[in-house]
Amino acid sequence: MKTLLTILTLTVGSLGLANNSHAAPADPVLDSYVAVADALAKDDLAAAKKAAGTLADTAKAEKQTSLADHAEMIASSDSLDAARGHFKMVSEEAVTLAQGKEGYYVMTCPMAKADWVQKTTKVSNPYMGQEMPGCGSIKGGASMGTMKMGGCCG
């Protein structure tokens, strides 16, 4: 019986039949972008630059040259302010990529007058960082419910 359960568990896992119905399908470009956003939200310039390098490589592989160019600018930034300035350009393209994709939420920051994409509904603002991490609200997304406000906006 124990062997049968082990075989069933392995088969279900290998067929992708495990209960992952809530997990968003992976999008390599958006997932790399989210890593940059997360690092900026934590005020971690080194992590943002590293993630932006990965984003640039991923975007190039997906033939998204403009996004890759902007990501490279983040990767070569010498300050959080500079990185966040370039992040706005990357975000404009990421918002377009996220349209209609389940599991990605378009957020907006009224103070930065900019949008970004993240994979959770809890605001984690990459433009305001740790100074105002909850500033912003859900703007759109395939899984969006009612408008939620946080931080400076709620």
N, C-alpha and C. Protein backbone atom coordinates (compact mmCIF):
# COMPACT_ATOMS: atom_id res chain seq x y z
N MET A 1 0.83 -1.19 0.00
CA MET A 1 0.00 0.00 0.00
C MET A 1 0.88 1.26 0.00
N LYS A 2 1.92 1.26 0.82
CA LYS A 2 2.82 2.40 0.90
C LYS A 2 3.50 2.63 -0.45
N THR A 3 3.89 1.57 -1.13
CA THR A 3 4.52 1.68 -2.44
C THR A 3 3.53 2.26 -3.46
N LEU A 4 2.29 1.84 -3.40
CA LEU A 4 1.27 2.34 -4.31
C LEU A 4 1.05 3.84 -4.11
N LEU A 5 1.01 4.28 -2.85
CA LEU A 5 0.84 5.70 -2.58
C LEU A 5 2.03 6.51 -3.07
N THR A 6 3.21 5.98 -2.92
CA THR A 6 4.42 6.65 -3.41
C THR A 6 4.37 6.79 -4.93
N ILE A 7 3.99 5.73 -5.61
CA ILE A 7 3.89 5.76 -7.07
C ILE A 7 2.84 6.77 -7.52
N LEU A 8 1.70 6.77 -6.86
CA LEU A 8 0.64 7.73 -7.20
C LEU A 8 1.11 9.17 -6.98
N THR A 9 1.78 9.41 -5.88
CA THR A 9 2.28 10.75 -5.58
C THR A 9 3.28 11.20 -6.64
N LEU A 10 4.20 10.35 -7.02
CA LEU A 10 5.19 10.67 -8.03
C LEU A 10 4.53 10.90 -9.39
N THR A 11 3.55 10.08 -9.73
CA THR A 11 2.86 10.21 -11.01
C THR A 11 2.09 11.52 -11.09
N VAL A 12 1.34 11.83 -10.05
CA VAL A 12 0.57 13.07 -10.02
C VAL A 12 1.51 14.27 -10.13
N GLY A 13 2.60 14.26 -9.40
CA GLY A 13 3.57 15.35 -9.44
C GLY A 13 4.21 15.49 -10.81
N SER A 14 4.59 14.39 -11.42
CA SER A 14 5.27 14.45 -12.71
C SER A 14 4.32 14.84 -13.84
N LEU A 15 3.04 14.57 -13.69
CA LEU A 15 2.07 14.97 -14.70
C LEU A 15 1.57 16.40 -14.49
N GLY A 16 1.99 17.01 -13.41
CA GLY A 16 1.55 18.37 -13.13
C GLY A 16 0.11 18.41 -12.64
N LEU A 17 -0.36 17.30 -12.08
CA LEU A 17 -1.73 17.24 -11.62
C LEU A 17 -1.88 17.61 -10.16
N ALA A 18 -0.78 17.95 -9.53
CA ALA A 18 -0.85 18.37 -8.14
C ALA A 18 -1.70 19.63 -8.05
N ASN A 19 -2.22 19.92 -6.90
CA ASN A 19 -3.13 21.04 -6.74
C ASN A 19 -2.38 22.37 -6.77
N ASN A 20 -2.08 22.83 -7.96
CA ASN A 20 -1.45 24.12 -8.16
C ASN A 20 -2.39 25.06 -8.90
N SER A 21 -3.68 24.84 -8.75
CA SER A 21 -4.65 25.62 -9.51
C SER A 21 -4.59 27.10 -9.20
N HIS A 22 -4.03 27.48 -8.06
CA HIS A 22 -3.95 28.88 -7.70
C HIS A 22 -2.65 29.53 -8.16
N ALA A 23 -1.70 28.73 -8.61
CA ALA A 23 -0.43 29.28 -9.05
C ALA A 23 -0.57 29.85 -10.45
N ALA A 24 -0.05 31.05 -10.66
CA ALA A 24 -0.09 31.68 -11.97
C ALA A 24 0.89 30.97 -12.90
N PRO A 25 0.52 30.84 -14.17
CA PRO A 25 1.47 30.27 -15.11
C PRO A 25 2.71 31.17 -15.16
N ALA A 26 3.85 30.55 -15.29
CA ALA A 26 5.10 31.31 -15.29
C ALA A 26 5.24 32.11 -16.57
N ASP A 27 5.68 33.33 -16.44
CA ASP A 27 6.04 34.18 -17.56
C ASP A 27 7.46 34.65 -17.25
N PRO A 28 8.45 34.14 -17.96
CA PRO A 28 9.84 34.43 -17.60
C PRO A 28 10.18 35.92 -17.55
N VAL A 29 9.65 36.71 -18.46
CA VAL A 29 9.95 38.14 -18.47
C VAL A 29 9.28 38.81 -17.28
N LEU A 30 7.99 38.57 -17.08
CA LEU A 30 7.30 39.21 -15.97
C LEU A 30 7.85 38.75 -14.62
N ASP A 31 8.19 37.48 -14.52
CA ASP A 31 8.74 37.00 -13.25
C ASP A 31 10.10 37.64 -12.96
N SER A 32 10.91 37.85 -13.98
CA SER A 32 12.19 38.54 -13.80
C SER A 32 11.95 40.00 -13.42
N TYR A 33 10.96 40.59 -14.05
CA TYR A 33 10.59 41.99 -13.75
C TYR A 33 10.15 42.11 -12.29
N VAL A 34 9.32 41.18 -11.83
CA VAL A 34 8.82 41.21 -10.44
C VAL A 34 9.98 41.14 -9.45
N ALA A 35 11.03 40.40 -9.80
CA ALA A 35 12.20 40.33 -8.92
C ALA A 35 12.87 41.71 -8.79
N VAL A 36 12.89 42.48 -9.87
CA VAL A 36 13.44 43.84 -9.81
C VAL A 36 12.55 44.70 -8.92
N ALA A 37 11.24 44.62 -9.13
CA ALA A 37 10.29 45.41 -8.33
C ALA A 37 10.43 45.08 -6.85
N ASP A 38 10.53 43.80 -6.53
CA ASP A 38 10.66 43.39 -5.13
C ASP A 38 11.92 43.97 -4.50
N ALA A 39 13.03 43.94 -5.23
CA ALA A 39 14.29 44.48 -4.71
C ALA A 39 14.19 45.99 -4.49
N LEU A 40 13.57 46.69 -5.42
CA LEU A 40 13.41 48.14 -5.26
C LEU A 40 12.48 48.46 -4.09
N ALA A 41 11.46 47.66 -3.88
CA ALA A 41 10.55 47.87 -2.75
C ALA A 41 11.28 47.71 -1.43
N LYS A 42 12.34 46.91 -1.42
CA LYS A 42 13.15 46.69 -0.22
C LYS A 42 14.34 47.66 -0.13
N ASP A 43 14.43 48.59 -1.08
CA ASP A 43 15.55 49.53 -1.14
C ASP A 43 16.90 48.83 -1.30
N ASP A 44 16.91 47.70 -1.99
CA ASP A 44 18.13 46.91 -2.16
C ASP A 44 18.66 47.11 -3.58
N LEU A 45 19.52 48.12 -3.76
CA LEU A 45 20.04 48.45 -5.07
C LEU A 45 20.83 47.30 -5.68
N ALA A 46 21.67 46.64 -4.90
CA ALA A 46 22.48 45.53 -5.43
C ALA A 46 21.59 44.42 -5.98
N ALA A 47 20.56 44.05 -5.24
CA ALA A 47 19.64 42.99 -5.70
C ALA A 47 18.85 43.46 -6.92
N ALA A 48 18.47 44.74 -6.94
CA ALA A 48 17.72 45.28 -8.09
C ALA A 48 18.59 45.24 -9.35
N LYS A 49 19.86 45.60 -9.21
CA LYS A 49 20.76 45.58 -10.36
C LYS A 49 20.98 44.15 -10.87
N LYS A 50 21.14 43.22 -9.94
CA LYS A 50 21.33 41.82 -10.33
C LYS A 50 20.07 41.29 -11.03
N ALA A 51 18.91 41.56 -10.45
CA ALA A 51 17.65 41.11 -11.04
C ALA A 51 17.42 41.77 -12.39
N ALA A 52 17.81 43.03 -12.52
CA ALA A 52 17.66 43.73 -13.80
C ALA A 52 18.54 43.12 -14.88
N GLY A 53 19.72 42.64 -14.50
CA GLY A 53 20.58 41.94 -15.45
C GLY A 53 19.91 40.68 -15.96
N THR A 54 19.30 39.95 -15.04
CA THR A 54 18.56 38.74 -15.43
C THR A 54 17.38 39.11 -16.32
N LEU A 55 16.67 40.18 -15.96
CA LEU A 55 15.55 40.64 -16.78
C LEU A 55 16.01 41.01 -18.18
N ALA A 56 17.11 41.71 -18.28
CA ALA A 56 17.64 42.09 -19.60
C ALA A 56 17.92 40.86 -20.45
N ASP A 57 18.57 39.86 -19.86
CA ASP A 57 18.87 38.62 -20.60
C ASP A 57 17.60 37.90 -21.01
N THR A 58 16.64 37.83 -20.11
CA THR A 58 15.38 37.14 -20.39
C THR A 58 14.60 37.88 -21.48
N ALA A 59 14.55 39.20 -21.39
CA ALA A 59 13.83 39.99 -22.39
C ALA A 59 14.48 39.86 -23.76
N LYS A 60 15.81 39.84 -23.80
CA LYS A 60 16.51 39.64 -25.08
C LYS A 60 16.14 38.29 -25.69
N ALA A 61 16.11 37.27 -24.86
CA ALA A 61 15.77 35.92 -25.34
C ALA A 61 14.35 35.87 -25.89
N GLU A 62 13.49 36.72 -25.36
CA GLU A 62 12.09 36.77 -25.80
C GLU A 62 11.87 37.83 -26.88
N LYS A 63 12.97 38.39 -27.40
CA LYS A 63 12.93 39.38 -28.47
C LYS A 63 12.21 40.66 -28.06
N GLN A 64 12.37 41.04 -26.80
CA GLN A 64 11.79 42.28 -26.29
C GLN A 64 12.92 43.27 -26.03
N THR A 65 13.45 43.79 -27.13
CA THR A 65 14.65 44.60 -27.11
C THR A 65 14.52 45.87 -26.28
N SER A 66 13.44 46.60 -26.44
CA SER A 66 13.27 47.85 -25.70
C SER A 66 13.25 47.61 -24.20
N LEU A 67 12.52 46.60 -23.77
CA LEU A 67 12.48 46.26 -22.35
C LEU A 67 13.86 45.87 -21.86
N ALA A 68 14.58 45.10 -22.66
CA ALA A 68 15.94 44.68 -22.30
C ALA A 68 16.86 45.89 -22.15
N ASP A 69 16.73 46.86 -23.06
CA ASP A 69 17.56 48.06 -22.98
C ASP A 69 17.31 48.84 -21.69
N HIS A 70 16.04 49.00 -21.33
CA HIS A 70 15.71 49.71 -20.09
C HIS A 70 16.18 48.93 -18.86
N ALA A 71 16.08 47.62 -18.91
CA ALA A 71 16.54 46.79 -17.79
C ALA A 71 18.06 46.93 -17.62
N GLU A 72 18.78 47.02 -18.72
CA GLU A 72 20.23 47.22 -18.64
C GLU A 72 20.57 48.55 -17.98
N MET A 73 19.72 49.55 -18.19
CA MET A 73 19.94 50.85 -17.55
C MET A 73 19.77 50.74 -16.03
N ILE A 74 18.81 49.93 -15.60
CA ILE A 74 18.66 49.69 -14.16
C ILE A 74 19.91 48.99 -13.64
N ALA A 75 20.37 47.99 -14.38
CA ALA A 75 21.53 47.20 -13.95
C ALA A 75 22.79 48.06 -13.83
N SER A 76 22.85 49.17 -14.55
CA SER A 76 24.03 50.03 -14.47
C SER A 76 23.79 51.28 -13.62
N SER A 77 22.67 51.35 -12.94
CA SER A 77 22.35 52.52 -12.11
C SER A 77 23.28 52.62 -10.91
N ASP A 78 23.58 53.85 -10.52
CA ASP A 78 24.46 54.07 -9.37
C ASP A 78 23.71 54.53 -8.13
N SER A 79 22.37 54.58 -8.22
CA SER A 79 21.57 54.97 -7.06
C SER A 79 20.16 54.39 -7.19
N LEU A 80 19.48 54.32 -6.06
CA LEU A 80 18.08 53.86 -6.09
C LEU A 80 17.22 54.82 -6.90
N ASP A 81 17.46 56.12 -6.78
CA ASP A 81 16.68 57.09 -7.55
C ASP A 81 16.83 56.86 -9.05
N ALA A 82 18.06 56.64 -9.50
CA ALA A 82 18.30 56.39 -10.92
C ALA A 82 17.64 55.09 -11.35
N ALA A 83 17.79 54.05 -10.54
CA ALA A 83 17.18 52.76 -10.87
C ALA A 83 15.66 52.88 -10.97
N ARG A 84 15.07 53.62 -10.04
CA ARG A 84 13.62 53.79 -10.04
C ARG A 84 13.16 54.60 -11.26
N GLY A 85 13.95 55.54 -11.69
CA GLY A 85 13.63 56.30 -12.90
C GLY A 85 13.58 55.39 -14.12
N HIS A 86 14.56 54.51 -14.25
CA HIS A 86 14.57 53.56 -15.37
C HIS A 86 13.48 52.51 -15.20
N PHE A 87 13.16 52.19 -13.94
CA PHE A 87 12.13 51.19 -13.66
C PHE A 87 10.77 51.64 -14.20
N LYS A 88 10.53 52.93 -14.21
CA LYS A 88 9.26 53.43 -14.77
C LYS A 88 9.13 53.03 -16.23
N MET A 89 10.22 53.12 -16.97
CA MET A 89 10.19 52.76 -18.40
C MET A 89 9.96 51.26 -18.57
N VAL A 90 10.63 50.47 -17.76
CA VAL A 90 10.44 49.01 -17.81
C VAL A 90 9.00 48.67 -17.44
N SER A 91 8.48 49.38 -16.45
CA SER A 91 7.12 49.09 -15.97
C SER A 91 6.06 49.36 -17.02
N GLU A 92 6.26 50.40 -17.83
CA GLU A 92 5.30 50.68 -18.89
C GLU A 92 5.15 49.46 -19.81
N GLU A 93 6.26 48.83 -20.11
CA GLU A 93 6.22 47.65 -20.98
C GLU A 93 5.69 46.43 -20.23
N ALA A 94 6.05 46.30 -18.96
CA ALA A 94 5.58 45.16 -18.16
C ALA A 94 4.06 45.22 -17.97
N VAL A 95 3.53 46.41 -17.79
CA VAL A 95 2.07 46.55 -17.63
C VAL A 95 1.37 46.04 -18.88
N THR A 96 1.90 46.36 -20.04
CA THR A 96 1.32 45.86 -21.30
C THR A 96 1.40 44.34 -21.37
N LEU A 97 2.54 43.78 -20.98
CA LEU A 97 2.71 42.32 -21.00
C LEU A 97 1.76 41.62 -20.03
N ALA A 98 1.45 42.26 -18.93
CA ALA A 98 0.62 41.64 -17.89
C ALA A 98 -0.87 41.68 -18.19
N GLN A 99 -1.27 42.48 -19.14
CA GLN A 99 -2.69 42.63 -19.44
C GLN A 99 -3.32 41.27 -19.73
N GLY A 100 -4.34 40.95 -18.95
CA GLY A 100 -5.09 39.71 -19.16
C GLY A 100 -4.43 38.45 -18.64
N LYS A 101 -3.28 38.57 -17.99
CA LYS A 101 -2.60 37.38 -17.47
C LYS A 101 -2.97 37.17 -16.02
N GLU A 102 -3.53 36.03 -15.74
CA GLU A 102 -3.94 35.70 -14.38
C GLU A 102 -2.73 35.62 -13.47
N GLY A 103 -2.90 36.16 -12.26
CA GLY A 103 -1.84 36.09 -11.26
C GLY A 103 -0.91 37.28 -11.25
N TYR A 104 -1.09 38.22 -12.17
CA TYR A 104 -0.30 39.43 -12.20
C TYR A 104 -1.23 40.61 -11.97
N TYR A 105 -0.83 41.51 -11.08
CA TYR A 105 -1.66 42.65 -10.72
C TYR A 105 -0.96 43.94 -11.11
N VAL A 106 -1.66 44.80 -11.78
CA VAL A 106 -1.12 46.11 -12.12
C VAL A 106 -1.47 47.03 -10.97
N MET A 107 -0.44 47.64 -10.41
CA MET A 107 -0.58 48.53 -9.27
C MET A 107 -0.26 49.95 -9.73
N THR A 108 -0.72 50.91 -8.95
CA THR A 108 -0.43 52.30 -9.28
C THR A 108 -0.06 53.08 -8.03
N CYS A 109 0.86 54.00 -8.19
CA CYS A 109 1.29 54.86 -7.09
C CYS A 109 0.97 56.30 -7.48
N PRO A 110 0.03 56.92 -6.78
CA PRO A 110 -0.32 58.30 -7.12
C PRO A 110 0.82 59.29 -6.83
N MET A 111 1.65 58.97 -5.86
CA MET A 111 2.74 59.89 -5.52
C MET A 111 3.85 59.87 -6.58
N ALA A 112 4.17 58.68 -7.08
CA ALA A 112 5.19 58.55 -8.13
C ALA A 112 4.60 58.77 -9.52
N LYS A 113 3.26 58.79 -9.58
CA LYS A 113 2.55 58.89 -10.85
C LYS A 113 3.04 57.81 -11.82
N ALA A 114 3.07 56.58 -11.30
CA ALA A 114 3.59 55.47 -12.09
C ALA A 114 2.92 54.17 -11.68
N ASP A 115 2.95 53.22 -12.59
CA ASP A 115 2.37 51.90 -12.38
C ASP A 115 3.49 50.86 -12.31
N TRP A 116 3.15 49.68 -11.80
CA TRP A 116 4.06 48.55 -11.80
C TRP A 116 3.23 47.27 -11.73
N VAL A 117 3.89 46.14 -11.91
CA VAL A 117 3.24 44.83 -11.88
C VAL A 117 3.81 44.04 -10.71
N GLN A 118 2.93 43.34 -10.01
CA GLN A 118 3.38 42.43 -8.96
C GLN A 118 2.47 41.21 -8.95
N LYS A 119 2.86 40.19 -8.18
CA LYS A 119 2.12 38.93 -8.17
C LYS A 119 1.24 38.76 -6.93
N THR A 120 1.16 39.78 -6.10
CA THR A 120 0.30 39.72 -4.93
C THR A 120 -0.58 40.96 -4.89
N THR A 121 -1.66 40.88 -4.12
CA THR A 121 -2.55 42.03 -4.01
C THR A 121 -2.11 42.98 -2.91
N LYS A 122 -1.18 42.57 -2.06
CA LYS A 122 -0.67 43.46 -1.01
C LYS A 122 0.35 44.41 -1.63
N VAL A 123 0.09 45.69 -1.50
CA VAL A 123 0.95 46.70 -2.11
C VAL A 123 2.37 46.60 -1.56
N SER A 124 3.33 46.56 -2.48
CA SER A 124 4.75 46.57 -2.14
C SER A 124 5.41 47.52 -3.15
N ASN A 125 5.40 48.80 -2.82
CA ASN A 125 5.73 49.86 -3.76
C ASN A 125 7.23 49.97 -4.06
N PRO A 126 7.62 49.69 -5.32
CA PRO A 126 9.04 49.79 -5.69
C PRO A 126 9.51 51.23 -5.88
N TYR A 127 8.59 52.17 -6.05
CA TYR A 127 8.96 53.57 -6.25
C TYR A 127 9.22 54.29 -4.94
N MET A 128 8.50 53.91 -3.89
CA MET A 128 8.63 54.58 -2.60
C MET A 128 9.49 53.77 -1.63
N GLY A 129 9.70 52.50 -1.93
CA GLY A 129 10.55 51.65 -1.11
C GLY A 129 10.09 51.58 0.34
N GLN A 130 11.03 51.47 1.24
CA GLN A 130 10.72 51.30 2.66
C GLN A 130 10.19 52.58 3.30
N GLU A 131 10.34 53.70 2.61
CA GLU A 131 9.79 54.95 3.12
C GLU A 131 8.26 54.90 3.16
N MET A 132 7.65 54.31 2.14
CA MET A 132 6.20 54.18 2.05
C MET A 132 5.85 52.90 1.29
N PRO A 133 6.11 51.74 1.87
CA PRO A 133 5.94 50.49 1.14
C PRO A 133 4.50 50.17 0.75
N GLY A 134 3.53 50.68 1.48
CA GLY A 134 2.14 50.38 1.20
C GLY A 134 1.42 51.43 0.39
N CYS A 135 2.15 52.39 -0.16
CA CYS A 135 1.53 53.44 -0.94
C CYS A 135 1.14 52.91 -2.31
N GLY A 136 -0.13 52.93 -2.62
CA GLY A 136 -0.58 52.50 -3.93
C GLY A 136 -1.86 51.70 -3.86
N SER A 137 -2.30 51.24 -5.00
CA SER A 137 -3.52 50.46 -5.08
C SER A 137 -3.50 49.59 -6.32
N ILE A 138 -4.39 48.61 -6.35
CA ILE A 138 -4.54 47.77 -7.53
C ILE A 138 -5.21 48.60 -8.61
N LYS A 139 -4.63 48.60 -9.77
CA LYS A 139 -5.18 49.33 -10.90
C LYS A 139 -5.93 48.39 -11.83
N GLY A 140 -5.38 47.21 -12.03
CA GLY A 140 -5.99 46.27 -12.96
C GLY A 140 -5.32 44.93 -12.88
N GLY A 141 -5.83 43.98 -13.62
CA GLY A 141 -5.28 42.64 -13.67
C GLY A 141 -6.40 41.65 -13.87
N ALA A 142 -6.10 40.52 -14.46
CA ALA A 142 -7.12 39.53 -14.77
C ALA A 142 -7.83 39.01 -13.54
N SER A 143 -7.13 38.95 -12.41
CA SER A 143 -7.72 38.40 -11.20
C SER A 143 -8.22 39.49 -10.25
N MET A 144 -8.27 40.73 -10.72
CA MET A 144 -8.58 41.85 -9.85
C MET A 144 -10.00 41.79 -9.32
N GLY A 145 -10.10 42.05 -8.04
CA GLY A 145 -11.41 42.20 -7.41
C GLY A 145 -11.72 43.69 -7.32
N THR A 146 -12.21 44.10 -6.18
CA THR A 146 -12.50 45.51 -5.99
C THR A 146 -11.21 46.28 -5.72
N MET A 147 -11.23 47.56 -5.96
CA MET A 147 -10.07 48.41 -5.74
C MET A 147 -9.67 48.37 -4.28
N LYS A 148 -8.41 48.15 -4.03
CA LYS A 148 -7.89 48.13 -2.66
C LYS A 148 -6.87 49.23 -2.52
N MET A 149 -6.91 49.91 -1.41
CA MET A 149 -5.97 50.98 -1.16
C MET A 149 -5.05 50.59 -0.02
N GLY A 150 -3.88 51.18 -0.01
CA GLY A 150 -2.95 50.90 1.06
C GLY A 150 -2.05 52.09 1.33
N GLY A 151 -1.38 52.06 2.45
CA GLY A 151 -0.38 53.07 2.76
C GLY A 151 -0.90 54.49 2.69
N CYS A 152 -0.28 55.32 1.87
CA CYS A 152 -0.61 56.74 1.79
C CYS A 152 -1.97 56.97 1.15
N CYS A 153 -2.49 55.97 0.52
CA CYS A 153 -3.70 56.15 -0.28
C CYS A 153 -4.97 55.70 0.44
N GLY A 154 -4.84 55.05 1.55
CA GLY A 154 -6.02 54.49 2.17
C GLY A 154 -6.27 55.09 3.47
